[in-house]
């Protein structure tokens, strides 16, 4: 039985509206599942490559021989592993995660000198990045705008958002079910997101539909939202420093 049970059809404007303690992916069940996925990566290698192909293609087109990446919400490196399997470039990879994930993941990669884990974006201020990568994780940030601004303050040459839950909608906060956890999840107005990074001297250099979700059964509960809160696709978007 799948742990993911879709979305709960409730609409909030902010974390202040959430009265009980929110759920989190910083829990033993999720961490154990991610450890297992890393240990058995070859079984899902091809699907992991397809999920991260937007990043992989971008990296392979870069002229640099070495690429330094910060991945916000990168879990146990399940974007790092497919990338290094599909590029000849030297990859230095920095992942920012919740404390339990960061600690457990750093132990798994103790012998790998190219991947690093942190529990705060504020720990990265002395590094220069080619790419800030955010795949399906911005929506879980308590303050998504602060995350984008903090990434921009690191001055990466490019900011890549993959499978972003954004669109011509009202920004709202709902919940995603995972096992017994009810995890806060943002759907974000695209214009507000873009303007946040434009104000930080970035511009959109590429945008594409990542996935049409209208026929995706796992997103069926999203159809229950009123039209002004409903998206039909996930988006890949690249911002480059102006």
C-alpha atoms as a PDB file:
ATOM      1  CA  UNK A   1       0.000   0.000   0.000  1.00  0.00           C
ATOM      2  CA  UNK A   2       1.358   3.403  -0.991  1.00  0.00           C
ATOM      3  CA  UNK A   3       2.318   5.816   1.742  1.00  0.00           C
ATOM      4  CA  UNK A   4       1.231   8.802  -0.350  1.00  0.00           C
ATOM      5  CA  UNK A   5      -2.482   9.469  -0.151  1.00  0.00           C
ATOM      6  CA  UNK A   6      -2.756  12.706  -2.104  1.00  0.00           C
ATOM      7  CA  UNK A   7      -4.086  16.061  -0.949  1.00  0.00           C
ATOM      8  CA  UNK A   8      -6.618  17.014   1.673  1.00  0.00           C
ATOM      9  CA  UNK A   9      -9.080  19.467   0.184  1.00  0.00           C
ATOM     10  CA  UNK A  10      -8.566  22.354   2.566  1.00  0.00           C
ATOM     11  CA  UNK A  11      -7.367  25.865   1.758  1.00  0.00           C
ATOM     12  CA  UNK A  12      -5.307  28.081   4.056  1.00  0.00           C
ATOM     13  CA  UNK A  13      -3.547  31.387   3.449  1.00  0.00           C
ATOM     14  CA  UNK A  14      -0.562  30.914   5.754  1.00  0.00           C
ATOM     15  CA  UNK A  15       1.066  28.737   8.386  1.00  0.00           C
ATOM     16  CA  UNK A  16      -0.620  30.934  10.966  1.00  0.00           C
ATOM     17  CA  UNK A  17      -3.904  29.294   9.926  1.00  0.00           C
ATOM     18  CA  UNK A  18      -2.614  25.851  10.909  1.00  0.00           C
ATOM     19  CA  UNK A  19      -3.617  25.260  14.501  1.00  0.00           C
ATOM     20  CA  UNK A  20      -2.076  21.861  15.177  1.00  0.00           C
ATOM     21  CA  UNK A  21       1.582  20.935  14.755  1.00  0.00           C
ATOM     22  CA  UNK A  22       2.191  20.270  11.054  1.00  0.00           C
ATOM     23  CA  UNK A  23       3.544  16.968   9.798  1.00  0.00           C
ATOM     24  CA  UNK A  24       6.989  16.658   8.287  1.00  0.00           C
ATOM     25  CA  UNK A  25       9.120  14.385   6.134  1.00  0.00           C
ATOM     26  CA  UNK A  26      11.640  14.477   8.977  1.00  0.00           C
ATOM     27  CA  UNK A  27      10.281  11.182  10.291  1.00  0.00           C
ATOM     28  CA  UNK A  28      11.677   7.668  10.663  1.00  0.00           C
ATOM     29  CA  UNK A  29       9.441   5.987   8.060  1.00  0.00           C
ATOM     30  CA  UNK A  30      10.354   8.453   5.310  1.00  0.00           C
ATOM     31  CA  UNK A  31      14.065   8.430   6.206  1.00  0.00           C
ATOM     32  CA  UNK A  32      14.164   4.631   6.150  1.00  0.00           C
ATOM     33  CA  UNK A  33      12.435   4.589   2.762  1.00  0.00           C
ATOM     34  CA  UNK A  34      15.004   7.019   1.330  1.00  0.00           C
ATOM     35  CA  UNK A  35      17.908   4.987   2.700  1.00  0.00           C
ATOM     36  CA  UNK A  36      16.495   1.928   0.973  1.00  0.00           C
ATOM     37  CA  UNK A  37      16.133   3.825  -2.303  1.00  0.00           C
ATOM     38  CA  UNK A  38      19.782   4.896  -2.213  1.00  0.00           C
ATOM     39  CA  UNK A  39      20.970   1.388  -1.357  1.00  0.00           C
ATOM     40  CA  UNK A  40      18.924  -0.012  -4.259  1.00  0.00           C
ATOM     41  CA  UNK A  41      19.451   2.888  -6.635  1.00  0.00           C
ATOM     42  CA  UNK A  42      20.173   0.709  -9.676  1.00  0.00           C
ATOM     43  CA  UNK A  43      16.561  -0.522  -9.582  1.00  0.00           C
ATOM     44  CA  UNK A  44      15.191   2.975 -10.090  1.00  0.00           C
ATOM     45  CA  UNK A  45      18.117   4.533 -11.930  1.00  0.00           C
ATOM     46  CA  UNK A  46      16.281   5.102 -15.216  1.00  0.00           C
ATOM     47  CA  UNK A  47      13.216   6.668 -13.630  1.00  0.00           C
ATOM     48  CA  UNK A  48      15.458   8.875 -11.477  1.00  0.00           C
ATOM     49  CA  UNK A  49      17.257  10.013 -14.618  1.00  0.00           C
ATOM     50  CA  UNK A  50      13.944  10.892 -16.273  1.00  0.00           C
ATOM     51  CA  UNK A  51      12.780  12.815 -13.196  1.00  0.00           C
ATOM     52  CA  UNK A  52      15.954  14.919 -13.219  1.00  0.00           C
ATOM     53  CA  UNK A  53      16.539  15.181 -16.964  1.00  0.00           C
ATOM     54  CA  UNK A  54      15.943  18.956 -16.933  1.00  0.00           C
ATOM     55  CA  UNK A  55      18.949  19.391 -14.611  1.00  0.00           C
ATOM     56  CA  UNK A  56      21.041  16.741 -16.357  1.00  0.00           C
ATOM     57  CA  UNK A  57      20.594  18.323 -19.795  1.00  0.00           C
ATOM     58  CA  UNK A  58      21.390  21.779 -18.455  1.00  0.00           C
ATOM     59  CA  UNK A  59      24.586  20.614 -16.740  1.00  0.00           C
ATOM     60  CA  UNK A  60      25.787  18.732 -19.819  1.00  0.00           C
ATOM     61  CA  UNK A  61      25.376  21.858 -21.970  1.00  0.00           C
ATOM     62  CA  UNK A  62      27.498  23.962 -19.634  1.00  0.00           C
ATOM     63  CA  UNK A  63      31.038  24.828 -20.748  1.00  0.00           C
ATOM     64  CA  UNK A  64      32.567  24.344 -17.309  1.00  0.00           C
ATOM     65  CA  UNK A  65      34.326  21.082 -16.462  1.00  0.00           C
ATOM     66  CA  UNK A  66      33.366  21.396 -12.796  1.00  0.00           C
ATOM     67  CA  UNK A  67      29.880  22.341 -11.603  1.00  0.00           C
ATOM     68  CA  UNK A  68      28.950  23.277  -8.040  1.00  0.00           C
ATOM     69  CA  UNK A  69      25.276  22.797  -7.172  1.00  0.00           C
ATOM     70  CA  UNK A  70      23.157  23.560  -4.129  1.00  0.00           C
ATOM     71  CA  UNK A  71      20.013  21.441  -3.950  1.00  0.00           C
ATOM     72  CA  UNK A  72      17.322  22.711  -1.592  1.00  0.00           C
ATOM     73  CA  UNK A  73      15.314  19.766  -0.299  1.00  0.00           C
ATOM     74  CA  UNK A  74      17.511  17.233  -2.071  1.00  0.00           C
ATOM     75  CA  UNK A  75      16.801  14.446   0.420  1.00  0.00           C
ATOM     76  CA  UNK A  76      19.231  11.553   0.254  1.00  0.00           C
ATOM     77  CA  UNK A  77      20.831  12.580  -3.035  1.00  0.00           C
ATOM     78  CA  UNK A  78      18.307  11.018  -5.387  1.00  0.00           C
ATOM     79  CA  UNK A  79      18.909  13.884  -7.808  1.00  0.00           C
ATOM     80  CA  UNK A  80      22.679  13.752  -7.332  1.00  0.00           C
ATOM     81  CA  UNK A  81      22.988  10.044  -8.180  1.00  0.00           C
ATOM     82  CA  UNK A  82      21.294  10.201 -11.611  1.00  0.00           C
ATOM     83  CA  UNK A  83      23.202  13.379 -12.470  1.00  0.00           C
ATOM     84  CA  UNK A  84      26.650  11.898 -11.814  1.00  0.00           C
ATOM     85  CA  UNK A  85      25.638   8.778 -13.743  1.00  0.00           C
ATOM     86  CA  UNK A  86      24.876  10.870 -16.848  1.00  0.00           C
ATOM     87  CA  UNK A  87      27.656  13.445 -16.967  1.00  0.00           C
ATOM     88  CA  UNK A  88      31.421  13.462 -17.403  1.00  0.00           C
ATOM     89  CA  UNK A  89      31.717  16.736 -15.485  1.00  0.00           C
ATOM     90  CA  UNK A  90      33.082  16.991 -11.966  1.00  0.00           C
ATOM     91  CA  UNK A  91      30.076  17.557  -9.719  1.00  0.00           C
ATOM     92  CA  UNK A  92      30.278  19.130  -6.275  1.00  0.00           C
ATOM     93  CA  UNK A  93      26.840  18.765  -4.689  1.00  0.00           C
ATOM     94  CA  UNK A  94      25.482  20.519  -1.594  1.00  0.00           C
ATOM     95  CA  UNK A  95      22.115  19.478  -0.152  1.00  0.00           C
ATOM     96  CA  UNK A  96      20.057  21.502   2.324  1.00  0.00           C
ATOM     97  CA  UNK A  97      17.565  19.395   4.261  1.00  0.00           C
ATOM     98  CA  UNK A  98      15.692  19.151   7.543  1.00  0.00           C
ATOM     99  CA  UNK A  99      18.017  18.120  10.412  1.00  0.00           C
ATOM    100  CA  UNK A 100      17.064  14.450  10.699  1.00  0.00           C
ATOM    101  CA  UNK A 101      17.446  13.876   6.968  1.00  0.00           C
ATOM    102  CA  UNK A 102      20.688  15.856   6.762  1.00  0.00           C
ATOM    103  CA  UNK A 103      22.265  13.909   9.614  1.00  0.00           C
ATOM    104  CA  UNK A 104      21.191  10.473   8.355  1.00  0.00           C
ATOM    105  CA  UNK A 105      22.163  11.209   4.737  1.00  0.00           C
ATOM    106  CA  UNK A 106      25.584  12.564   5.628  1.00  0.00           C
ATOM    107  CA  UNK A 107      26.355   9.266   7.368  1.00  0.00           C
ATOM    108  CA  UNK A 108      25.357   7.296   4.265  1.00  0.00           C
ATOM    109  CA  UNK A 109      27.708   9.357   2.085  1.00  0.00           C
ATOM    110  CA  UNK A 110      30.565   9.558   4.613  1.00  0.00           C
ATOM    111  CA  UNK A 111      33.059   8.194   2.061  1.00  0.00           C
ATOM    112  CA  UNK A 112      31.938  10.485  -0.777  1.00  0.00           C
ATOM    113  CA  UNK A 113      33.984  13.709  -0.858  1.00  0.00           C
ATOM    114  CA  UNK A 114      31.794  15.372  -3.511  1.00  0.00           C
ATOM    115  CA  UNK A 115      28.470  15.590  -1.654  1.00  0.00           C
ATOM    116  CA  UNK A 116      27.721  17.654   1.443  1.00  0.00           C
ATOM    117  CA  UNK A 117      24.668  18.040   3.687  1.00  0.00           C
ATOM    118  CA  UNK A 118      23.407  21.015   5.684  1.00  0.00           C
ATOM    119  CA  UNK A 119      20.372  21.773   7.802  1.00  0.00           C
ATOM    120  CA  UNK A 120      20.235  25.486   6.935  1.00  0.00           C
ATOM    121  CA  UNK A 121      20.708  27.668   3.870  1.00  0.00           C
ATOM    122  CA  UNK A 122      22.567  30.078   6.118  1.00  0.00           C
ATOM    123  CA  UNK A 123      25.494  27.617   6.287  1.00  0.00           C
ATOM    124  CA  UNK A 124      26.332  28.165   2.599  1.00  0.00           C
ATOM    125  CA  UNK A 125      27.187  31.854   2.454  1.00  0.00           C
ATOM    126  CA  UNK A 126      30.901  31.396   1.686  1.00  0.00           C
ATOM    127  CA  UNK A 127      30.435  29.229  -1.422  1.00  0.00           C
ATOM    128  CA  UNK A 128      29.974  30.190  -5.081  1.00  0.00           C
ATOM    129  CA  UNK A 129      27.394  28.121  -6.939  1.00  0.00           C
ATOM    130  CA  UNK A 130      26.772  27.534 -10.621  1.00  0.00           C
ATOM    131  CA  UNK A 131      23.267  26.182  -9.974  1.00  0.00           C
ATOM    132  CA  UNK A 132      20.666  26.307  -7.242  1.00  0.00           C
ATOM    133  CA  UNK A 133      18.325  23.368  -7.857  1.00  0.00           C
ATOM    134  CA  UNK A 134      14.886  22.934  -6.342  1.00  0.00           C
ATOM    135  CA  UNK A 135      12.850  19.930  -7.403  1.00  0.00           C
ATOM    136  CA  UNK A 136       9.446  19.265  -5.793  1.00  0.00           C
ATOM    137  CA  UNK A 137      10.519  20.777  -2.475  1.00  0.00           C
ATOM    138  CA  UNK A 138       9.755  24.508  -2.505  1.00  0.00           C
ATOM    139  CA  UNK A 139       6.119  23.699  -1.770  1.00  0.00           C
ATOM    140  CA  UNK A 140       7.084  22.199   1.601  1.00  0.00           C
ATOM    141  CA  UNK A 141       8.920  25.290   2.887  1.00  0.00           C
ATOM    142  CA  UNK A 142       7.130  27.183   5.635  1.00  0.00           C
ATOM    143  CA  UNK A 143       8.166  30.407   3.888  1.00  0.00           C
ATOM    144  CA  UNK A 144       8.727  29.635   0.197  1.00  0.00           C
ATOM    145  CA  UNK A 145       9.496  33.261  -0.642  1.00  0.00           C
ATOM    146  CA  UNK A 146      12.259  33.404   1.981  1.00  0.00           C
ATOM    147  CA  UNK A 147      13.769  30.227   0.508  1.00  0.00           C
ATOM    148  CA  UNK A 148      13.895  31.744  -2.983  1.00  0.00           C
ATOM    149  CA  UNK A 149      15.336  35.002  -1.673  1.00  0.00           C
ATOM    150  CA  UNK A 150      17.946  33.130   0.376  1.00  0.00           C
ATOM    151  CA  UNK A 151      18.969  31.047  -2.623  1.00  0.00           C
ATOM    152  CA  UNK A 152      19.238  34.210  -4.715  1.00  0.00           C
ATOM    153  CA  UNK A 153      21.373  35.819  -1.988  1.00  0.00           C
ATOM    154  CA  UNK A 154      23.913  33.027  -2.572  1.00  0.00           C
ATOM    155  CA  UNK A 155      24.239  34.498  -6.105  1.00  0.00           C
ATOM    156  CA  UNK A 156      24.210  31.232  -8.086  1.00  0.00           C
ATOM    157  CA  UNK A 157      24.570  31.785 -11.803  1.00  0.00           C
ATOM    158  CA  UNK A 158      21.329  29.892 -12.379  1.00  0.00           C
ATOM    159  CA  UNK A 159      18.301  28.884 -10.318  1.00  0.00           C
ATOM    160  CA  UNK A 160      16.458  25.826 -11.630  1.00  0.00           C
ATOM    161  CA  UNK A 161      12.988  24.935 -10.380  1.00  0.00           C
ATOM    162  CA  UNK A 162      11.800  21.532 -11.582  1.00  0.00           C
ATOM    163  CA  UNK A 163       8.289  20.080 -11.270  1.00  0.00           C
ATOM    164  CA  UNK A 164       7.152  23.277  -9.575  1.00  0.00           C
ATOM    165  CA  UNK A 165       3.557  23.480  -8.331  1.00  0.00           C
ATOM    166  CA  UNK A 166       2.924  26.930  -9.763  1.00  0.00           C
ATOM    167  CA  UNK A 167       0.410  28.521 -12.097  1.00  0.00           C
ATOM    168  CA  UNK A 168      -2.086  31.286 -12.739  1.00  0.00           C
ATOM    169  CA  UNK A 169      -3.794  30.635  -9.416  1.00  0.00           C
ATOM    170  CA  UNK A 170      -4.276  32.115  -5.974  1.00  0.00           C
ATOM    171  CA  UNK A 171      -1.371  31.074  -3.745  1.00  0.00           C
ATOM    172  CA  UNK A 172      -2.683  28.779  -1.031  1.00  0.00           C
ATOM    173  CA  UNK A 173      -1.577  26.287   1.591  1.00  0.00           C
ATOM    174  CA  UNK A 174      -3.080  22.829   1.871  1.00  0.00           C
ATOM    175  CA  UNK A 175      -1.986  19.441   3.218  1.00  0.00           C
ATOM    176  CA  UNK A 176      -0.483  16.363   1.588  1.00  0.00           C
ATOM    177  CA  UNK A 177      -0.987  12.993   3.235  1.00  0.00           C
ATOM    178  CA  UNK A 178       1.973  10.660   3.680  1.00  0.00           C
ATOM    179  CA  UNK A 179       1.310   7.716   5.939  1.00  0.00           C
ATOM    180  CA  UNK A 180       0.058   9.154   9.215  1.00  0.00           C
ATOM    181  CA  UNK A 181       1.602  12.569   8.486  1.00  0.00           C
ATOM    182  CA  UNK A 182      -0.347  15.567   7.183  1.00  0.00           C
ATOM    183  CA  UNK A 183       2.313  17.739   5.574  1.00  0.00           C
ATOM    184  CA  UNK A 184       1.719  21.408   4.663  1.00  0.00           C
ATOM    185  CA  UNK A 185       2.010  21.990   0.913  1.00  0.00           C
ATOM    186  CA  UNK A 186       1.971  25.253  -1.072  1.00  0.00           C
ATOM    187  CA  UNK A 187       0.486  25.847  -4.503  1.00  0.00           C
ATOM    188  CA  UNK A 188       2.070  29.108  -5.657  1.00  0.00           C
ATOM    189  CA  UNK A 189       1.034  31.935  -7.964  1.00  0.00           C
ATOM    190  CA  UNK A 190       3.573  31.901 -10.794  1.00  0.00           C
ATOM    191  CA  UNK A 191       3.701  35.677 -11.195  1.00  0.00           C
ATOM    192  CA  UNK A 192       4.510  36.163  -7.498  1.00  0.00           C
ATOM    193  CA  UNK A 193       7.255  33.554  -7.689  1.00  0.00           C
ATOM    194  CA  UNK A 194       8.816  35.078 -10.822  1.00  0.00           C
ATOM    195  CA  UNK A 195       8.685  38.594  -9.414  1.00  0.00           C
ATOM    196  CA  UNK A 196      10.411  37.418  -6.244  1.00  0.00           C
ATOM    197  CA  UNK A 197      13.474  36.417  -8.268  1.00  0.00           C
ATOM    198  CA  UNK A 198      13.288  39.333 -10.693  1.00  0.00           C
ATOM    199  CA  UNK A 199      13.590  41.598  -7.643  1.00  0.00           C
ATOM    200  CA  UNK A 200      16.857  39.751  -6.909  1.00  0.00           C
ATOM    201  CA  UNK A 201      18.282  40.511 -10.381  1.00  0.00           C
ATOM    202  CA  UNK A 202      17.330  37.224 -12.041  1.00  0.00           C
ATOM    203  CA  UNK A 203      15.425  36.738 -15.268  1.00  0.00           C
ATOM    204  CA  UNK A 204      13.559  33.791 -16.753  1.00  0.00           C
ATOM    205  CA  UNK A 205      15.699  32.158 -19.451  1.00  0.00           C
ATOM    206  CA  UNK A 206      13.703  28.973 -20.020  1.00  0.00           C
ATOM    207  CA  UNK A 207      10.278  27.656 -19.130  1.00  0.00           C
ATOM    208  CA  UNK A 208       8.483  24.469 -20.109  1.00  0.00           C
ATOM    209  CA  UNK A 209       5.707  22.175 -19.011  1.00  0.00           C
ATOM    210  CA  UNK A 210       7.248  19.447 -16.895  1.00  0.00           C
ATOM    211  CA  UNK A 211       4.206  17.220 -16.708  1.00  0.00           C
ATOM    212  CA  UNK A 212       0.529  17.380 -17.629  1.00  0.00           C
ATOM    213  CA  UNK A 213      -1.274  16.271 -14.490  1.00  0.00           C
ATOM    214  CA  UNK A 214      -4.842  16.268 -15.750  1.00  0.00           C
ATOM    215  CA  UNK A 215      -4.708  12.508 -16.335  1.00  0.00           C
ATOM    216  CA  UNK A 216      -2.449  11.702 -13.392  1.00  0.00           C
ATOM    217  CA  UNK A 217      -4.368   9.577 -10.891  1.00  0.00           C
ATOM    218  CA  UNK A 218      -2.081  10.534  -8.031  1.00  0.00           C
ATOM    219  CA  UNK A 219      -3.173  14.142  -8.486  1.00  0.00           C
ATOM    220  CA  UNK A 220      -6.868  13.381  -8.755  1.00  0.00           C
ATOM    221  CA  UNK A 221      -7.636  14.947  -5.381  1.00  0.00           C
ATOM    222  CA  UNK A 222      -6.256  18.238  -6.689  1.00  0.00           C
ATOM    223  CA  UNK A 223      -9.217  18.371  -9.073  1.00  0.00           C
ATOM    224  CA  UNK A 224     -11.501  18.933  -6.087  1.00  0.00           C
ATOM    225  CA  UNK A 225     -10.162  22.434  -5.509  1.00  0.00           C
ATOM    226  CA  UNK A 226     -12.143  25.422  -6.848  1.00  0.00           C
ATOM    227  CA  UNK A 227     -11.031  26.593 -10.311  1.00  0.00           C
ATOM    228  CA  UNK A 228      -9.065  29.575  -9.013  1.00  0.00           C
ATOM    229  CA  UNK A 229      -6.838  27.179  -7.030  1.00  0.00           C
ATOM    230  CA  UNK A 230      -6.402  24.501  -9.666  1.00  0.00           C
ATOM    231  CA  UNK A 231      -3.334  23.821 -11.817  1.00  0.00           C
ATOM    232  CA  UNK A 232      -3.185  21.517 -14.834  1.00  0.00           C
ATOM    233  CA  UNK A 233       0.564  20.964 -15.057  1.00  0.00           C
ATOM    234  CA  UNK A 234       3.851  21.140 -13.238  1.00  0.00           C
ATOM    235  CA  UNK A 235       6.457  23.587 -14.522  1.00  0.00           C
ATOM    236  CA  UNK A 236      10.209  23.573 -15.161  1.00  0.00           C
ATOM    237  CA  UNK A 237      11.718  27.046 -15.103  1.00  0.00           C
ATOM    238  CA  UNK A 238      15.262  28.447 -15.196  1.00  0.00           C
ATOM    239  CA  UNK A 239      16.309  31.829 -13.870  1.00  0.00           C
ATOM    240  CA  UNK A 240      19.706  33.270 -14.755  1.00  0.00           C
ATOM    241  CA  UNK A 241      21.466  36.092 -12.997  1.00  0.00           C
ATOM    242  CA  UNK A 242      20.842  39.336 -14.831  1.00  0.00           C
END
